[in-house]
Amino acid sequence: MAKTPSEIWKDKIIQYRKKCQGIIGLSKSIRYVGIVNSYGRTLTGIVRPNVKPLLKSEQVKNEFFIISTLMTLRKDTVSAVGKLDYVLLQHQKVSIVIFQKDEMTYYISIDRSAKNIDKIINIIKKTI
């Protein structure tokens, strides 16, 4: 029996959730892993237990909208500059690493105190 579109969607969300769980398990320095669609809507996200989120709900919505808009607009430049590897945003408290795969954006925050951020990014790239 064929799956309904609703069942297919639920299966996809479960796959994304498992992917997030795998990524957050790669390093204790990873604070948050989320997958956002091209409209800035969070499909799934995991905050590391005992980690206090830095952004309020409305701030998160705005952040994801900005990131999804950036990623969507960048599609036009791929032929000129090549495929995007990742985006790294360095803040005082956290580093944000953004990857894109199959129209989905992976938004990952990492403690700024992490000594080996390049290593963490390379491990995440292999996982995604």
N, C-alpha and C. Protein backbone atom coordinates (compact mmCIF):
# COMPACT_ATOMS: atom_id res chain seq x y z
N MET A 1 0.83 -1.18 0.00
CA MET A 1 0.00 0.00 0.00
C MET A 1 0.89 1.25 0.00
N ALA A 2 0.55 2.21 -0.83
CA ALA A 2 1.32 3.44 -0.95
C ALA A 2 1.07 4.34 0.26
N LYS A 3 2.11 5.07 0.63
CA LYS A 3 1.98 6.01 1.75
C LYS A 3 1.29 7.28 1.27
N THR A 4 0.54 7.86 2.19
CA THR A 4 -0.12 9.13 1.89
C THR A 4 0.94 10.25 1.98
N PRO A 5 0.66 11.39 1.38
CA PRO A 5 1.60 12.51 1.51
C PRO A 5 1.89 12.87 2.97
N SER A 6 0.89 12.76 3.82
CA SER A 6 1.07 13.04 5.24
C SER A 6 2.04 12.06 5.88
N GLU A 7 1.92 10.79 5.54
CA GLU A 7 2.83 9.77 6.08
C GLU A 7 4.26 9.97 5.56
N ILE A 8 4.38 10.32 4.30
CA ILE A 8 5.69 10.59 3.71
C ILE A 8 6.34 11.77 4.43
N TRP A 9 5.56 12.83 4.69
CA TRP A 9 6.07 14.01 5.38
C TRP A 9 6.52 13.66 6.80
N LYS A 10 5.72 12.89 7.51
CA LYS A 10 6.08 12.49 8.87
C LYS A 10 7.37 11.68 8.88
N ASP A 11 7.52 10.79 7.91
CA ASP A 11 8.76 10.00 7.80
C ASP A 11 9.97 10.91 7.56
N LYS A 12 9.79 11.92 6.72
CA LYS A 12 10.87 12.86 6.41
C LYS A 12 11.27 13.63 7.67
N ILE A 13 10.29 14.07 8.44
CA ILE A 13 10.58 14.81 9.68
C ILE A 13 11.32 13.90 10.66
N ILE A 14 10.93 12.65 10.74
CA ILE A 14 11.64 11.70 11.62
C ILE A 14 13.09 11.55 11.18
N GLN A 15 13.32 11.49 9.88
CA GLN A 15 14.69 11.39 9.35
C GLN A 15 15.50 12.64 9.72
N TYR A 16 14.88 13.82 9.57
CA TYR A 16 15.56 15.07 9.94
C TYR A 16 15.87 15.10 11.43
N ARG A 17 14.93 14.63 12.24
CA ARG A 17 15.13 14.60 13.70
C ARG A 17 16.32 13.70 14.05
N LYS A 18 16.39 12.54 13.43
CA LYS A 18 17.51 11.62 13.68
C LYS A 18 18.82 12.24 13.25
N LYS A 19 18.79 12.98 12.13
CA LYS A 19 20.00 13.66 11.66
C LYS A 19 20.46 14.70 12.68
N CYS A 20 19.52 15.45 13.24
CA CYS A 20 19.85 16.45 14.27
C CYS A 20 20.42 15.78 15.52
N GLN A 21 19.82 14.67 15.93
CA GLN A 21 20.31 13.95 17.10
C GLN A 21 21.75 13.46 16.87
N GLY A 22 22.01 12.99 15.66
CA GLY A 22 23.36 12.54 15.33
C GLY A 22 24.36 13.68 15.37
N ILE A 23 23.97 14.83 14.86
CA ILE A 23 24.88 15.99 14.83
C ILE A 23 25.14 16.50 16.24
N ILE A 24 24.10 16.62 17.06
CA ILE A 24 24.30 17.17 18.41
C ILE A 24 25.16 16.22 19.25
N GLY A 25 25.17 14.95 18.89
CA GLY A 25 25.99 13.98 19.60
C GLY A 25 27.46 14.00 19.20
N LEU A 26 27.82 14.78 18.19
CA LEU A 26 29.20 14.81 17.71
C LEU A 26 30.16 15.54 18.64
N SER A 27 29.64 16.53 19.37
CA SER A 27 30.50 17.32 20.26
C SER A 27 29.66 17.93 21.38
N LYS A 28 30.23 17.97 22.56
CA LYS A 28 29.56 18.60 23.69
C LYS A 28 29.49 20.12 23.52
N SER A 29 30.26 20.66 22.58
CA SER A 29 30.26 22.10 22.32
C SER A 29 29.08 22.54 21.46
N ILE A 30 28.40 21.59 20.83
CA ILE A 30 27.24 21.94 20.00
C ILE A 30 26.05 22.19 20.92
N ARG A 31 25.49 23.40 20.81
CA ARG A 31 24.39 23.81 21.67
C ARG A 31 23.03 23.50 21.06
N TYR A 32 22.92 23.70 19.75
CA TYR A 32 21.63 23.58 19.08
C TYR A 32 21.84 23.10 17.65
N VAL A 33 20.94 22.26 17.18
CA VAL A 33 20.93 21.84 15.78
C VAL A 33 19.48 21.92 15.31
N GLY A 34 19.27 22.61 14.21
CA GLY A 34 17.93 22.71 13.65
C GLY A 34 17.96 22.63 12.14
N ILE A 35 16.86 22.22 11.57
CA ILE A 35 16.71 22.18 10.12
C ILE A 35 15.56 23.10 9.77
N VAL A 36 15.84 24.02 8.85
CA VAL A 36 14.91 25.07 8.47
C VAL A 36 14.62 24.95 6.98
N ASN A 37 13.36 25.13 6.59
CA ASN A 37 13.04 25.07 5.17
C ASN A 37 13.31 26.42 4.49
N SER A 38 13.02 26.49 3.20
CA SER A 38 13.33 27.70 2.44
C SER A 38 12.46 28.90 2.83
N TYR A 39 11.44 28.69 3.63
CA TYR A 39 10.59 29.78 4.10
C TYR A 39 10.94 30.22 5.53
N GLY A 40 11.97 29.63 6.10
CA GLY A 40 12.39 29.98 7.45
C GLY A 40 11.64 29.24 8.54
N ARG A 41 10.88 28.24 8.16
CA ARG A 41 10.11 27.47 9.14
C ARG A 41 10.98 26.35 9.69
N THR A 42 11.02 26.21 10.99
CA THR A 42 11.77 25.13 11.63
C THR A 42 11.04 23.82 11.43
N LEU A 43 11.72 22.86 10.82
CA LEU A 43 11.13 21.54 10.63
C LEU A 43 11.38 20.68 11.85
N THR A 44 12.56 20.82 12.40
CA THR A 44 12.91 20.13 13.65
C THR A 44 14.13 20.81 14.24
N GLY A 45 14.27 20.71 15.53
CA GLY A 45 15.42 21.31 16.19
C GLY A 45 15.61 20.69 17.57
N ILE A 46 16.87 20.64 17.98
CA ILE A 46 17.20 20.06 19.29
C ILE A 46 18.15 21.00 20.02
N VAL A 47 17.78 21.35 21.24
CA VAL A 47 18.67 22.10 22.12
C VAL A 47 19.31 21.08 23.05
N ARG A 48 20.62 21.18 23.21
CA ARG A 48 21.32 20.28 24.13
C ARG A 48 20.71 20.41 25.52
N PRO A 49 20.46 19.28 26.18
CA PRO A 49 19.92 19.34 27.55
C PRO A 49 20.80 20.19 28.46
N ASN A 50 20.17 20.92 29.34
CA ASN A 50 20.83 21.80 30.32
C ASN A 50 21.49 23.02 29.68
N VAL A 51 21.14 23.32 28.43
CA VAL A 51 21.64 24.52 27.77
C VAL A 51 20.49 25.52 27.67
N LYS A 52 20.73 26.72 28.14
CA LYS A 52 19.70 27.76 28.10
C LYS A 52 19.77 28.46 26.73
N PRO A 53 18.66 28.46 25.97
CA PRO A 53 18.66 29.17 24.69
C PRO A 53 18.98 30.65 24.87
N LEU A 54 19.71 31.21 23.93
CA LEU A 54 20.09 32.61 24.00
C LEU A 54 19.05 33.53 23.37
N LEU A 55 18.24 32.98 22.46
CA LEU A 55 17.24 33.78 21.75
C LEU A 55 15.83 33.45 22.22
N LYS A 56 14.98 34.47 22.20
CA LYS A 56 13.56 34.28 22.50
C LYS A 56 12.87 33.79 21.24
N SER A 57 11.66 33.29 21.39
CA SER A 57 10.91 32.69 20.29
C SER A 57 10.82 33.60 19.07
N GLU A 58 10.46 34.85 19.27
CA GLU A 58 10.32 35.79 18.15
C GLU A 58 11.68 36.06 17.49
N GLN A 59 12.73 36.12 18.29
CA GLN A 59 14.08 36.32 17.74
C GLN A 59 14.50 35.14 16.88
N VAL A 60 14.14 33.94 17.31
CA VAL A 60 14.46 32.73 16.55
C VAL A 60 13.74 32.78 15.19
N LYS A 61 12.47 33.13 15.20
CA LYS A 61 11.71 33.22 13.94
C LYS A 61 12.37 34.20 12.99
N ASN A 62 12.76 35.36 13.51
CA ASN A 62 13.41 36.37 12.67
C ASN A 62 14.76 35.88 12.14
N GLU A 63 15.53 35.25 13.00
CA GLU A 63 16.84 34.72 12.61
C GLU A 63 16.69 33.71 11.48
N PHE A 64 15.77 32.79 11.63
CA PHE A 64 15.59 31.75 10.62
C PHE A 64 15.05 32.33 9.32
N PHE A 65 14.20 33.35 9.41
CA PHE A 65 13.70 34.00 8.21
C PHE A 65 14.86 34.67 7.45
N ILE A 66 15.72 35.36 8.18
CA ILE A 66 16.87 36.02 7.56
C ILE A 66 17.79 35.00 6.91
N ILE A 67 18.08 33.93 7.61
CA ILE A 67 18.98 32.90 7.09
C ILE A 67 18.37 32.24 5.85
N SER A 68 17.10 31.90 5.90
CA SER A 68 16.47 31.24 4.74
C SER A 68 16.42 32.18 3.54
N THR A 69 16.20 33.47 3.78
CA THR A 69 16.21 34.44 2.70
C THR A 69 17.61 34.54 2.08
N LEU A 70 18.62 34.60 2.92
CA LEU A 70 20.00 34.64 2.44
C LEU A 70 20.31 33.41 1.58
N MET A 71 19.95 32.24 2.08
CA MET A 71 20.26 31.00 1.36
C MET A 71 19.50 30.94 0.03
N THR A 72 18.27 31.41 0.01
CA THR A 72 17.48 31.41 -1.21
C THR A 72 18.06 32.36 -2.24
N LEU A 73 18.44 33.56 -1.81
CA LEU A 73 19.00 34.54 -2.73
C LEU A 73 20.36 34.11 -3.28
N ARG A 74 21.10 33.34 -2.52
CA ARG A 74 22.44 32.90 -2.94
C ARG A 74 22.38 31.87 -4.06
N LYS A 75 21.25 31.24 -4.26
CA LYS A 75 21.13 30.22 -5.32
C LYS A 75 21.51 30.77 -6.68
N ASP A 76 21.20 32.04 -6.92
CA ASP A 76 21.49 32.66 -8.21
C ASP A 76 22.99 32.81 -8.48
N THR A 77 23.79 32.81 -7.44
CA THR A 77 25.23 33.04 -7.62
C THR A 77 26.04 31.74 -7.71
N VAL A 78 25.39 30.60 -7.54
CA VAL A 78 26.11 29.32 -7.54
C VAL A 78 26.89 29.10 -8.82
N SER A 79 26.29 29.41 -9.95
CA SER A 79 26.99 29.19 -11.23
C SER A 79 28.22 30.07 -11.35
N ALA A 80 28.21 31.24 -10.74
CA ALA A 80 29.35 32.15 -10.83
C ALA A 80 30.44 31.85 -9.80
N VAL A 81 30.06 31.55 -8.57
CA VAL A 81 31.05 31.40 -7.49
C VAL A 81 31.21 29.97 -7.00
N GLY A 82 30.33 29.07 -7.42
CA GLY A 82 30.41 27.68 -6.99
C GLY A 82 29.46 27.40 -5.83
N LYS A 83 29.33 26.11 -5.55
CA LYS A 83 28.44 25.65 -4.49
C LYS A 83 28.94 26.11 -3.12
N LEU A 84 28.01 26.50 -2.27
CA LEU A 84 28.33 26.96 -0.92
C LEU A 84 28.78 25.79 -0.05
N ASP A 85 29.92 25.94 0.60
CA ASP A 85 30.41 24.91 1.51
C ASP A 85 29.69 25.06 2.86
N TYR A 86 29.87 26.20 3.51
CA TYR A 86 29.17 26.52 4.75
C TYR A 86 29.33 28.00 5.04
N VAL A 87 28.50 28.49 5.95
CA VAL A 87 28.58 29.87 6.42
C VAL A 87 28.94 29.79 7.90
N LEU A 88 29.87 30.63 8.32
CA LEU A 88 30.25 30.68 9.73
C LEU A 88 30.03 32.10 10.23
N LEU A 89 29.17 32.24 11.24
CA LEU A 89 28.92 33.52 11.88
C LEU A 89 29.53 33.47 13.28
N GLN A 90 30.48 34.34 13.54
CA GLN A 90 31.15 34.36 14.83
C GLN A 90 30.56 35.47 15.69
N HIS A 91 29.97 35.09 16.79
CA HIS A 91 29.43 36.05 17.76
C HIS A 91 30.28 35.96 19.03
N GLN A 92 30.06 36.87 19.96
CA GLN A 92 30.81 36.84 21.22
C GLN A 92 30.54 35.58 22.03
N LYS A 93 29.29 35.12 22.02
CA LYS A 93 28.92 33.99 22.87
C LYS A 93 28.88 32.66 22.14
N VAL A 94 28.51 32.67 20.86
CA VAL A 94 28.40 31.43 20.09
C VAL A 94 28.89 31.64 18.66
N SER A 95 29.20 30.52 18.03
CA SER A 95 29.46 30.50 16.59
C SER A 95 28.29 29.78 15.95
N ILE A 96 27.82 30.31 14.84
CA ILE A 96 26.72 29.69 14.11
C ILE A 96 27.30 29.15 12.80
N VAL A 97 27.05 27.87 12.54
CA VAL A 97 27.49 27.26 11.29
C VAL A 97 26.24 26.89 10.52
N ILE A 98 26.21 27.26 9.25
CA ILE A 98 25.04 27.02 8.41
C ILE A 98 25.46 26.21 7.19
N PHE A 99 24.77 25.11 6.99
CA PHE A 99 24.99 24.26 5.83
C PHE A 99 23.68 24.18 5.06
N GLN A 100 23.78 23.89 3.77
CA GLN A 100 22.56 23.68 3.01
C GLN A 100 22.69 22.38 2.22
N LYS A 101 21.63 21.59 2.29
CA LYS A 101 21.58 20.34 1.55
C LYS A 101 20.14 20.05 1.17
N ASP A 102 19.93 19.75 -0.10
CA ASP A 102 18.59 19.38 -0.59
C ASP A 102 17.53 20.40 -0.19
N GLU A 103 17.81 21.66 -0.42
CA GLU A 103 16.85 22.74 -0.14
C GLU A 103 16.59 22.98 1.35
N MET A 104 17.26 22.25 2.20
CA MET A 104 17.10 22.43 3.64
C MET A 104 18.36 23.10 4.21
N THR A 105 18.15 23.94 5.21
CA THR A 105 19.25 24.64 5.85
C THR A 105 19.47 24.06 7.24
N TYR A 106 20.70 23.65 7.51
CA TYR A 106 21.08 23.15 8.83
C TYR A 106 21.69 24.33 9.59
N TYR A 107 21.10 24.65 10.71
CA TYR A 107 21.52 25.78 11.54
C TYR A 107 22.06 25.20 12.84
N ILE A 108 23.35 25.41 13.09
CA ILE A 108 24.01 24.76 14.23
C ILE A 108 24.75 25.82 15.03
N SER A 109 24.46 25.89 16.33
CA SER A 109 25.20 26.82 17.19
C SER A 109 26.19 26.03 18.04
N ILE A 110 27.37 26.62 18.16
CA ILE A 110 28.49 25.98 18.87
C ILE A 110 29.02 26.97 19.89
N ASP A 111 29.32 26.48 21.09
CA ASP A 111 29.92 27.35 22.10
C ASP A 111 31.15 28.04 21.53
N ARG A 112 31.26 29.31 21.81
CA ARG A 112 32.41 30.09 21.31
C ARG A 112 33.70 29.62 21.98
N SER A 113 33.57 29.00 23.13
CA SER A 113 34.76 28.54 23.85
C SER A 113 35.35 27.25 23.25
N ALA A 114 34.67 26.67 22.28
CA ALA A 114 35.17 25.44 21.65
C ALA A 114 36.52 25.73 20.99
N LYS A 115 37.50 24.93 21.34
CA LYS A 115 38.87 25.14 20.85
C LYS A 115 39.05 24.62 19.42
N ASN A 116 38.27 23.64 19.05
CA ASN A 116 38.50 22.93 17.79
C ASN A 116 37.33 23.09 16.82
N ILE A 117 36.90 24.32 16.60
CA ILE A 117 35.70 24.54 15.78
C ILE A 117 35.88 24.02 14.35
N ASP A 118 37.09 24.14 13.79
CA ASP A 118 37.32 23.64 12.43
C ASP A 118 37.11 22.13 12.37
N LYS A 119 37.57 21.45 13.39
CA LYS A 119 37.40 19.99 13.44
C LYS A 119 35.92 19.63 13.56
N ILE A 120 35.21 20.36 14.41
CA ILE A 120 33.76 20.12 14.59
C ILE A 120 33.03 20.35 13.26
N ILE A 121 33.37 21.44 12.56
CA ILE A 121 32.73 21.73 11.28
C ILE A 121 32.99 20.61 10.28
N ASN A 122 34.22 20.12 10.22
CA ASN A 122 34.53 19.03 9.28
C ASN A 122 33.78 17.75 9.60
N ILE A 123 33.62 17.46 10.87
CA ILE A 123 32.86 16.26 11.27
C ILE A 123 31.39 16.43 10.91
N ILE A 124 30.84 17.62 11.13
CA ILE A 124 29.45 17.90 10.78
C ILE A 124 29.25 17.75 9.28
N LYS A 125 30.18 18.30 8.49
CA LYS A 125 30.07 18.21 7.02
C LYS A 125 29.98 16.76 6.56
N LYS A 126 30.73 15.89 7.18
CA LYS A 126 30.70 14.47 6.81
C LYS A 126 29.37 13.83 7.20
N THR A 127 28.77 14.30 8.28
CA THR A 127 27.51 13.75 8.77
C THR A 127 26.32 14.20 7.92
N ILE A 128 26.38 15.42 7.47
CA ILE A 128 25.27 15.97 6.68
C ILE A 128 25.32 15.36 5.30
